[in-house]
Amino acid sequence: MNKDKFGPLKEVPPCVYGAALLDYFNNPLVRTQLNIKNASAKWDLCSDTLVYQPDQNATQWIYPILKGRYKILKYSGDADGAVPTLGTQNWIADLNWNIIEKWRPYYITNMYGQQVAGYVEKRDGGFTFVTIHGAGHMCPQFRPQETYHAIFNWVFDKPI
């Protein structure tokens, strides 16, 4: 990656395939199409320009606004130490939305046969919560088949 092209971006860790993301999200055309102002910082995998403030409610406030207006998919890796599934389940329960489809496993078939890919629960207002078994918060990178299955089926209103 040509660091001069983007300014003082951090190095991409060797275990993360992020160079293409850096190229894409810092492309001037893409930034224009996403309505990102020129004065805004360049996109980086890890940035010191964004000051992270842990907040118990984080983005929870937006879900009641979206309820019933849009389908909502929240997915979480079940091996995520930074954003544990239990914490996510707790704030989802705090929404107090009726359960439409109870917590159950969903499956994929791979070279080992049928495997548990994670768990799914549906609530009223178009809210679906899915876990990706064996992944942290980078589910698509470390469990692509399981993540693809959940997202694809959700997008096309197929059973997960």
N, C-alpha and C. Protein backbone atom coordinates (compact mmCIF):
# COMPACT_ATOMS: atom_id res chain seq x y z
N MET A 1 0.85 -1.17 0.00
CA MET A 1 0.00 0.00 0.00
C MET A 1 0.89 1.23 0.00
N ASN A 2 0.52 2.20 -0.78
CA ASN A 2 1.25 3.46 -0.87
C ASN A 2 0.72 4.41 0.20
N LYS A 3 1.46 4.55 1.31
CA LYS A 3 1.00 5.40 2.41
C LYS A 3 0.94 6.86 2.01
N ASP A 4 1.82 7.30 1.09
CA ASP A 4 1.81 8.70 0.68
C ASP A 4 0.48 9.07 0.02
N LYS A 5 -0.15 8.09 -0.58
CA LYS A 5 -1.41 8.32 -1.27
C LYS A 5 -2.51 8.76 -0.29
N PHE A 6 -2.43 8.28 0.96
CA PHE A 6 -3.48 8.54 1.93
C PHE A 6 -3.05 9.44 3.08
N GLY A 7 -1.82 9.78 3.19
CA GLY A 7 -1.37 10.54 4.34
C GLY A 7 -0.89 9.60 5.42
N PRO A 8 -0.90 10.05 6.66
CA PRO A 8 -0.29 9.26 7.74
C PRO A 8 -1.20 8.15 8.28
N LEU A 9 -1.57 7.21 7.45
CA LEU A 9 -2.38 6.09 7.91
C LEU A 9 -1.50 5.07 8.60
N LYS A 10 -2.10 4.33 9.50
CA LYS A 10 -1.36 3.27 10.19
C LYS A 10 -1.12 2.12 9.22
N GLU A 11 -0.16 1.30 9.56
CA GLU A 11 0.09 0.11 8.77
C GLU A 11 -1.06 -0.89 8.96
N VAL A 12 -1.38 -1.61 7.94
CA VAL A 12 -2.39 -2.65 8.03
C VAL A 12 -1.74 -3.86 8.69
N PRO A 13 -2.31 -4.35 9.79
CA PRO A 13 -1.72 -5.53 10.42
C PRO A 13 -1.68 -6.69 9.44
N PRO A 14 -0.64 -7.51 9.50
CA PRO A 14 -0.51 -8.62 8.53
C PRO A 14 -1.65 -9.64 8.63
N CYS A 15 -2.34 -9.70 9.77
CA CYS A 15 -3.41 -10.68 9.93
C CYS A 15 -4.75 -10.15 9.41
N VAL A 16 -4.78 -8.91 8.95
CA VAL A 16 -6.02 -8.31 8.48
C VAL A 16 -5.86 -7.95 7.01
N TYR A 17 -6.80 -8.35 6.21
CA TYR A 17 -6.75 -8.04 4.78
C TYR A 17 -7.47 -6.71 4.56
N GLY A 18 -6.81 -5.61 4.90
CA GLY A 18 -7.47 -4.33 4.89
C GLY A 18 -7.03 -3.35 3.83
N ALA A 19 -5.98 -3.67 3.08
CA ALA A 19 -5.47 -2.71 2.10
C ALA A 19 -6.54 -2.33 1.08
N ALA A 20 -7.32 -3.30 0.63
CA ALA A 20 -8.37 -2.99 -0.35
C ALA A 20 -9.43 -2.07 0.25
N LEU A 21 -9.76 -2.26 1.54
CA LEU A 21 -10.71 -1.38 2.21
C LEU A 21 -10.17 0.05 2.28
N LEU A 22 -8.90 0.18 2.62
CA LEU A 22 -8.29 1.51 2.69
C LEU A 22 -8.34 2.18 1.32
N ASP A 23 -7.98 1.44 0.28
CA ASP A 23 -8.02 1.99 -1.07
C ASP A 23 -9.43 2.42 -1.45
N TYR A 24 -10.41 1.58 -1.13
CA TYR A 24 -11.79 1.86 -1.52
C TYR A 24 -12.35 3.06 -0.77
N PHE A 25 -12.30 3.02 0.56
CA PHE A 25 -12.94 4.08 1.35
C PHE A 25 -12.22 5.41 1.30
N ASN A 26 -10.99 5.44 0.83
CA ASN A 26 -10.27 6.70 0.68
C ASN A 26 -10.21 7.17 -0.77
N ASN A 27 -10.85 6.43 -1.66
CA ASN A 27 -10.94 6.84 -3.05
C ASN A 27 -11.79 8.11 -3.13
N PRO A 28 -11.30 9.16 -3.77
CA PRO A 28 -12.05 10.42 -3.83
C PRO A 28 -13.47 10.26 -4.40
N LEU A 29 -13.64 9.41 -5.40
CA LEU A 29 -14.97 9.21 -5.98
C LEU A 29 -15.91 8.57 -4.96
N VAL A 30 -15.43 7.55 -4.25
CA VAL A 30 -16.25 6.88 -3.24
C VAL A 30 -16.60 7.86 -2.12
N ARG A 31 -15.63 8.65 -1.68
CA ARG A 31 -15.90 9.63 -0.62
C ARG A 31 -16.96 10.64 -1.07
N THR A 32 -16.89 11.04 -2.32
CA THR A 32 -17.90 11.97 -2.86
C THR A 32 -19.27 11.30 -2.88
N GLN A 33 -19.32 10.06 -3.36
CA GLN A 33 -20.59 9.35 -3.44
C GLN A 33 -21.20 9.09 -2.06
N LEU A 34 -20.35 8.97 -1.04
CA LEU A 34 -20.84 8.76 0.32
C LEU A 34 -21.07 10.08 1.06
N ASN A 35 -20.91 11.20 0.33
CA ASN A 35 -21.11 12.54 0.90
C ASN A 35 -20.18 12.82 2.07
N ILE A 36 -18.94 12.35 1.97
CA ILE A 36 -17.94 12.62 3.00
C ILE A 36 -17.23 13.91 2.63
N LYS A 37 -17.22 14.84 3.53
CA LYS A 37 -16.61 16.14 3.28
C LYS A 37 -15.10 16.00 3.12
N ASN A 38 -14.52 16.84 2.27
CA ASN A 38 -13.08 16.81 2.05
C ASN A 38 -12.29 17.03 3.33
N ALA A 39 -12.86 17.82 4.24
CA ALA A 39 -12.17 18.13 5.50
C ALA A 39 -12.18 16.94 6.47
N SER A 40 -13.01 15.94 6.20
CA SER A 40 -13.07 14.78 7.10
C SER A 40 -11.80 13.96 6.98
N ALA A 41 -11.44 13.34 8.10
CA ALA A 41 -10.23 12.50 8.14
C ALA A 41 -10.36 11.34 7.16
N LYS A 42 -9.24 10.87 6.69
CA LYS A 42 -9.21 9.69 5.84
C LYS A 42 -9.64 8.48 6.66
N TRP A 43 -10.26 7.51 5.99
CA TRP A 43 -10.70 6.31 6.67
C TRP A 43 -9.50 5.44 6.98
N ASP A 44 -9.47 4.87 8.16
CA ASP A 44 -8.38 4.00 8.58
C ASP A 44 -8.97 2.83 9.37
N LEU A 45 -8.26 1.72 9.39
CA LEU A 45 -8.73 0.57 10.16
C LEU A 45 -8.76 0.89 11.65
N CYS A 46 -7.74 1.55 12.11
CA CYS A 46 -7.64 1.96 13.51
C CYS A 46 -7.18 3.41 13.49
N SER A 47 -7.87 4.25 14.23
CA SER A 47 -7.57 5.67 14.16
C SER A 47 -7.50 6.29 15.55
N ASP A 48 -6.56 7.19 15.72
CA ASP A 48 -6.47 7.95 16.96
C ASP A 48 -7.30 9.23 16.87
N THR A 49 -7.84 9.54 15.69
CA THR A 49 -8.60 10.79 15.54
C THR A 49 -10.01 10.65 16.11
N LEU A 50 -10.50 9.43 16.21
CA LEU A 50 -11.81 9.20 16.79
C LEU A 50 -11.60 8.81 18.24
N VAL A 51 -12.15 9.57 19.14
CA VAL A 51 -12.00 9.29 20.56
C VAL A 51 -13.17 8.41 20.97
N TYR A 52 -12.86 7.17 21.29
CA TYR A 52 -13.89 6.20 21.65
C TYR A 52 -14.27 6.39 23.11
N GLN A 53 -15.54 6.61 23.34
CA GLN A 53 -16.06 6.75 24.69
C GLN A 53 -17.04 5.60 24.94
N PRO A 54 -16.65 4.63 25.76
CA PRO A 54 -17.59 3.54 26.04
C PRO A 54 -18.88 4.10 26.64
N ASP A 55 -19.99 3.60 26.16
CA ASP A 55 -21.29 4.03 26.64
C ASP A 55 -22.18 2.80 26.68
N GLN A 56 -22.74 2.56 27.83
CA GLN A 56 -23.55 1.36 27.99
C GLN A 56 -24.67 1.30 26.97
N ASN A 57 -25.25 2.44 26.62
CA ASN A 57 -26.37 2.44 25.67
C ASN A 57 -25.93 2.58 24.22
N ALA A 58 -24.71 3.01 24.00
CA ALA A 58 -24.12 3.12 22.66
C ALA A 58 -25.15 3.56 21.62
N THR A 59 -25.47 2.69 20.65
CA THR A 59 -26.41 3.05 19.59
C THR A 59 -27.81 2.52 19.87
N GLN A 60 -28.05 2.06 21.07
CA GLN A 60 -29.35 1.48 21.40
C GLN A 60 -30.50 2.45 21.15
N TRP A 61 -30.26 3.72 21.27
CA TRP A 61 -31.30 4.75 21.11
C TRP A 61 -31.94 4.74 19.73
N ILE A 62 -31.19 4.29 18.70
CA ILE A 62 -31.70 4.38 17.33
C ILE A 62 -32.73 3.30 17.02
N TYR A 63 -32.68 2.17 17.71
CA TYR A 63 -33.56 1.05 17.37
C TYR A 63 -35.04 1.36 17.52
N PRO A 64 -35.50 2.03 18.58
CA PRO A 64 -36.92 2.39 18.63
C PRO A 64 -37.35 3.32 17.49
N ILE A 65 -36.45 4.15 17.01
CA ILE A 65 -36.77 5.03 15.88
C ILE A 65 -36.94 4.21 14.60
N LEU A 66 -36.11 3.18 14.44
CA LEU A 66 -36.16 2.35 13.23
C LEU A 66 -37.25 1.28 13.27
N LYS A 67 -37.70 0.94 14.47
CA LYS A 67 -38.65 -0.16 14.65
C LYS A 67 -39.88 0.02 13.76
N GLY A 68 -40.16 -1.02 12.97
CA GLY A 68 -41.34 -1.02 12.11
C GLY A 68 -41.17 -0.24 10.82
N ARG A 69 -40.13 0.56 10.71
CA ARG A 69 -39.89 1.34 9.50
C ARG A 69 -38.93 0.62 8.55
N TYR A 70 -38.00 -0.13 9.12
CA TYR A 70 -36.99 -0.84 8.35
C TYR A 70 -36.78 -2.22 8.96
N LYS A 71 -36.40 -3.17 8.12
CA LYS A 71 -35.93 -4.44 8.65
C LYS A 71 -34.60 -4.15 9.33
N ILE A 72 -34.37 -4.77 10.47
CA ILE A 72 -33.12 -4.55 11.21
C ILE A 72 -32.45 -5.89 11.44
N LEU A 73 -31.18 -5.99 11.05
CA LEU A 73 -30.38 -7.17 11.36
C LEU A 73 -29.24 -6.73 12.25
N LYS A 74 -29.12 -7.36 13.39
CA LYS A 74 -27.98 -7.16 14.28
C LYS A 74 -27.30 -8.50 14.38
N TYR A 75 -26.02 -8.55 13.99
CA TYR A 75 -25.32 -9.81 14.15
C TYR A 75 -24.09 -9.61 15.01
N SER A 76 -23.70 -10.70 15.65
CA SER A 76 -22.61 -10.64 16.62
C SER A 76 -21.88 -11.96 16.62
N GLY A 77 -20.56 -11.90 16.62
CA GLY A 77 -19.78 -13.12 16.79
C GLY A 77 -19.91 -13.59 18.23
N ASP A 78 -20.04 -14.91 18.42
CA ASP A 78 -20.22 -15.40 19.78
C ASP A 78 -18.90 -15.62 20.53
N ALA A 79 -17.79 -15.27 19.88
CA ALA A 79 -16.48 -15.37 20.53
C ALA A 79 -15.81 -14.00 20.59
N ASP A 80 -16.62 -12.96 20.70
CA ASP A 80 -16.12 -11.59 20.69
C ASP A 80 -15.89 -11.11 22.11
N GLY A 81 -14.62 -10.92 22.47
CA GLY A 81 -14.28 -10.44 23.80
C GLY A 81 -14.54 -8.97 23.99
N ALA A 82 -14.55 -8.19 22.92
CA ALA A 82 -14.75 -6.74 23.02
C ALA A 82 -16.23 -6.39 23.12
N VAL A 83 -17.06 -7.09 22.36
CA VAL A 83 -18.50 -6.84 22.36
C VAL A 83 -19.17 -8.21 22.56
N PRO A 84 -19.23 -8.68 23.79
CA PRO A 84 -19.74 -10.03 24.04
C PRO A 84 -21.22 -10.18 23.70
N THR A 85 -21.58 -11.35 23.24
CA THR A 85 -22.95 -11.65 22.86
C THR A 85 -23.90 -11.41 24.04
N LEU A 86 -23.51 -11.77 25.23
CA LEU A 86 -24.38 -11.60 26.40
C LEU A 86 -24.76 -10.13 26.59
N GLY A 87 -23.82 -9.22 26.42
CA GLY A 87 -24.12 -7.80 26.53
C GLY A 87 -25.11 -7.36 25.47
N THR A 88 -24.93 -7.85 24.25
CA THR A 88 -25.85 -7.52 23.16
C THR A 88 -27.24 -8.07 23.47
N GLN A 89 -27.30 -9.30 23.94
CA GLN A 89 -28.59 -9.89 24.29
C GLN A 89 -29.28 -9.09 25.40
N ASN A 90 -28.50 -8.58 26.34
CA ASN A 90 -29.09 -7.81 27.44
C ASN A 90 -29.73 -6.52 26.95
N TRP A 91 -29.04 -5.78 26.06
CA TRP A 91 -29.67 -4.53 25.59
C TRP A 91 -30.83 -4.81 24.66
N ILE A 92 -30.78 -5.92 23.92
CA ILE A 92 -31.92 -6.29 23.09
C ILE A 92 -33.12 -6.61 23.99
N ALA A 93 -32.88 -7.33 25.07
CA ALA A 93 -33.95 -7.62 26.02
C ALA A 93 -34.51 -6.34 26.64
N ASP A 94 -33.63 -5.36 26.88
CA ASP A 94 -34.06 -4.07 27.44
C ASP A 94 -35.00 -3.32 26.50
N LEU A 95 -34.95 -3.61 25.20
CA LEU A 95 -35.89 -2.98 24.27
C LEU A 95 -37.32 -3.41 24.58
N ASN A 96 -37.45 -4.59 25.18
CA ASN A 96 -38.76 -5.12 25.58
C ASN A 96 -39.69 -5.32 24.38
N TRP A 97 -39.14 -5.78 23.27
CA TRP A 97 -39.93 -6.07 22.08
C TRP A 97 -40.33 -7.55 22.12
N ASN A 98 -41.53 -7.83 21.72
CA ASN A 98 -42.03 -9.21 21.74
C ASN A 98 -41.19 -10.12 20.86
N ILE A 99 -40.99 -11.33 21.34
CA ILE A 99 -40.26 -12.35 20.58
C ILE A 99 -41.23 -12.99 19.60
N ILE A 100 -40.87 -12.94 18.32
CA ILE A 100 -41.69 -13.52 17.25
C ILE A 100 -41.21 -14.95 16.95
N GLU A 101 -39.90 -15.14 16.95
CA GLU A 101 -39.30 -16.45 16.72
C GLU A 101 -38.26 -16.67 17.80
N LYS A 102 -38.42 -17.72 18.60
CA LYS A 102 -37.54 -17.97 19.73
C LYS A 102 -36.12 -18.33 19.29
N TRP A 103 -35.19 -18.04 20.17
CA TRP A 103 -33.77 -18.33 20.03
C TRP A 103 -33.58 -19.78 19.61
N ARG A 104 -32.93 -19.98 18.48
CA ARG A 104 -32.72 -21.35 17.97
C ARG A 104 -31.45 -21.38 17.14
N PRO A 105 -30.86 -22.57 16.97
CA PRO A 105 -29.68 -22.66 16.11
C PRO A 105 -30.07 -22.58 14.64
N TYR A 106 -29.13 -22.14 13.82
CA TYR A 106 -29.28 -22.26 12.37
C TYR A 106 -28.04 -22.96 11.86
N TYR A 107 -28.14 -23.55 10.68
CA TYR A 107 -27.12 -24.48 10.20
C TYR A 107 -26.61 -24.12 8.81
N ILE A 108 -25.39 -24.52 8.56
CA ILE A 108 -24.81 -24.51 7.23
C ILE A 108 -24.34 -25.93 6.94
N THR A 109 -24.13 -26.22 5.68
CA THR A 109 -23.54 -27.50 5.30
C THR A 109 -22.20 -27.20 4.64
N ASN A 110 -21.16 -27.82 5.16
CA ASN A 110 -19.84 -27.65 4.58
C ASN A 110 -19.20 -29.03 4.40
N MET A 111 -17.90 -29.08 4.20
CA MET A 111 -17.24 -30.36 3.92
C MET A 111 -17.32 -31.32 5.10
N TYR A 112 -17.70 -30.83 6.28
CA TYR A 112 -17.84 -31.70 7.46
C TYR A 112 -19.28 -32.12 7.69
N GLY A 113 -20.18 -31.71 6.80
CA GLY A 113 -21.59 -32.01 6.95
C GLY A 113 -22.34 -30.83 7.51
N GLN A 114 -23.45 -31.08 8.16
CA GLN A 114 -24.25 -30.00 8.72
C GLN A 114 -23.62 -29.52 10.03
N GLN A 115 -23.43 -28.20 10.13
CA GLN A 115 -22.80 -27.60 11.29
C GLN A 115 -23.66 -26.46 11.84
N VAL A 116 -23.62 -26.27 13.16
CA VAL A 116 -24.28 -25.11 13.75
C VAL A 116 -23.48 -23.88 13.33
N ALA A 117 -24.16 -22.93 12.68
CA ALA A 117 -23.50 -21.71 12.22
C ALA A 117 -23.67 -20.58 13.22
N GLY A 118 -24.66 -20.71 14.08
CA GLY A 118 -24.94 -19.68 15.08
C GLY A 118 -26.37 -19.83 15.56
N TYR A 119 -26.88 -18.75 16.12
CA TYR A 119 -28.24 -18.75 16.64
C TYR A 119 -28.97 -17.52 16.14
N VAL A 120 -30.30 -17.63 16.07
CA VAL A 120 -31.12 -16.53 15.55
C VAL A 120 -32.35 -16.36 16.43
N GLU A 121 -32.77 -15.12 16.55
CA GLU A 121 -34.00 -14.78 17.26
C GLU A 121 -34.64 -13.61 16.53
N LYS A 122 -35.96 -13.64 16.39
CA LYS A 122 -36.67 -12.53 15.73
C LYS A 122 -37.62 -11.89 16.73
N ARG A 123 -37.68 -10.57 16.65
CA ARG A 123 -38.58 -9.80 17.51
C ARG A 123 -39.47 -8.92 16.65
N ASP A 124 -40.52 -8.40 17.29
CA ASP A 124 -41.44 -7.56 16.52
C ASP A 124 -40.73 -6.30 16.03
N GLY A 125 -41.36 -5.64 15.10
CA GLY A 125 -40.76 -4.43 14.53
C GLY A 125 -39.74 -4.73 13.45
N GLY A 126 -39.63 -6.00 13.00
CA GLY A 126 -38.69 -6.35 11.94
C GLY A 126 -37.26 -6.54 12.41
N PHE A 127 -37.06 -6.83 13.69
CA PHE A 127 -35.72 -6.96 14.27
C PHE A 127 -35.29 -8.42 14.32
N THR A 128 -34.12 -8.70 13.76
CA THR A 128 -33.53 -10.04 13.79
C THR A 128 -32.15 -9.95 14.41
N PHE A 129 -31.89 -10.83 15.38
CA PHE A 129 -30.57 -10.93 15.99
C PHE A 129 -29.97 -12.28 15.64
N VAL A 130 -28.75 -12.27 15.14
CA VAL A 130 -28.06 -13.48 14.71
C VAL A 130 -26.67 -13.51 15.35
N THR A 131 -26.29 -14.69 15.84
CA THR A 131 -24.91 -14.85 16.27
C THR A 131 -24.18 -15.67 15.20
N ILE A 132 -22.89 -15.42 15.09
CA ILE A 132 -22.04 -16.17 14.18
C ILE A 132 -21.10 -16.99 15.06
N HIS A 133 -21.26 -18.31 15.02
CA HIS A 133 -20.51 -19.19 15.91
C HIS A 133 -19.02 -19.19 15.57
N GLY A 134 -18.22 -18.98 16.59
CA GLY A 134 -16.77 -19.07 16.44
C GLY A 134 -16.11 -17.82 15.90
N ALA A 135 -16.83 -16.70 15.85
CA ALA A 135 -16.26 -15.46 15.31
C ALA A 135 -16.25 -14.38 16.38
N GLY A 136 -15.32 -13.45 16.24
CA GLY A 136 -15.33 -12.23 17.03
C GLY A 136 -16.15 -11.20 16.29
N HIS A 137 -15.75 -9.93 16.37
CA HIS A 137 -16.56 -8.92 15.68
C HIS A 137 -16.16 -8.74 14.22
N MET A 138 -15.26 -9.56 13.73
CA MET A 138 -14.92 -9.53 12.30
C MET A 138 -15.46 -10.80 11.65
N CYS A 139 -16.75 -11.02 11.84
CA CYS A 139 -17.40 -12.25 11.38
C CYS A 139 -17.16 -12.57 9.91
N PRO A 140 -17.33 -11.61 8.98
CA PRO A 140 -17.15 -11.95 7.57
C PRO A 140 -15.73 -12.43 7.24
N GLN A 141 -14.74 -11.95 7.99
CA GLN A 141 -13.37 -12.36 7.71
C GLN A 141 -13.08 -13.77 8.22
N PHE A 142 -13.57 -14.08 9.42
CA PHE A 142 -13.19 -15.34 10.04
C PHE A 142 -14.23 -16.45 9.92
N ARG A 143 -15.48 -16.11 9.61
CA ARG A 143 -16.53 -17.10 9.39
C ARG A 143 -17.37 -16.65 8.19
N PRO A 144 -16.74 -16.61 7.00
CA PRO A 144 -17.45 -16.07 5.83
C PRO A 144 -18.70 -16.85 5.44
N GLN A 145 -18.65 -18.18 5.47
CA GLN A 145 -19.81 -18.95 5.03
C GLN A 145 -20.99 -18.73 5.98
N GLU A 146 -20.73 -18.76 7.27
CA GLU A 146 -21.78 -18.58 8.25
C GLU A 146 -22.38 -17.17 8.16
N THR A 147 -21.51 -16.17 8.00
CA THR A 147 -21.96 -14.78 7.91
C THR A 147 -22.74 -14.56 6.63
N TYR A 148 -22.23 -15.05 5.52
CA TYR A 148 -22.92 -14.91 4.23
C TYR A 148 -24.31 -15.54 4.31
N HIS A 149 -24.39 -16.73 4.86
CA HIS A 149 -25.68 -17.43 4.97
C HIS A 149 -26.69 -16.56 5.72
N ALA A 150 -26.29 -16.05 6.87
CA ALA A 150 -27.21 -15.25 7.70
C ALA A 150 -27.64 -13.97 6.97
N ILE A 151 -26.68 -13.23 6.44
CA ILE A 151 -27.00 -11.95 5.80
C ILE A 151 -27.79 -12.16 4.52
N PHE A 152 -27.35 -13.08 3.66
CA PHE A 152 -28.03 -13.35 2.39
C PHE A 152 -29.48 -13.75 2.64
N ASN A 153 -29.68 -14.69 3.54
CA ASN A 153 -31.05 -15.16 3.79
C ASN A 153 -31.91 -14.05 4.40
N TRP A 154 -31.32 -13.23 5.27
CA TRP A 154 -32.07 -12.12 5.85
C TRP A 154 -32.47 -11.11 4.77
N VAL A 155 -31.52 -10.74 3.91
CA VAL A 155 -31.80 -9.76 2.85
C VAL A 155 -32.93 -10.24 1.95
N PHE A 156 -32.92 -11.52 1.62
CA PHE A 156 -33.90 -12.06 0.68
C PHE A 156 -35.09 -12.73 1.37
N ASP A 157 -35.29 -12.44 2.64
CA ASP A 157 -36.44 -12.94 3.41
C ASP A 157 -36.57 -14.47 3.34
N LYS A 158 -35.42 -15.14 3.38
CA LYS A 158 -35.41 -16.59 3.44
C LYS A 158 -35.14 -17.00 4.90
N PRO A 159 -35.54 -18.19 5.29
CA PRO A 159 -35.25 -18.62 6.66
C PRO A 159 -33.74 -18.69 6.90
N ILE A 160 -33.36 -18.20 8.04
CA ILE A 160 -31.93 -18.28 8.42
C ILE A 160 -31.72 -19.61 9.10
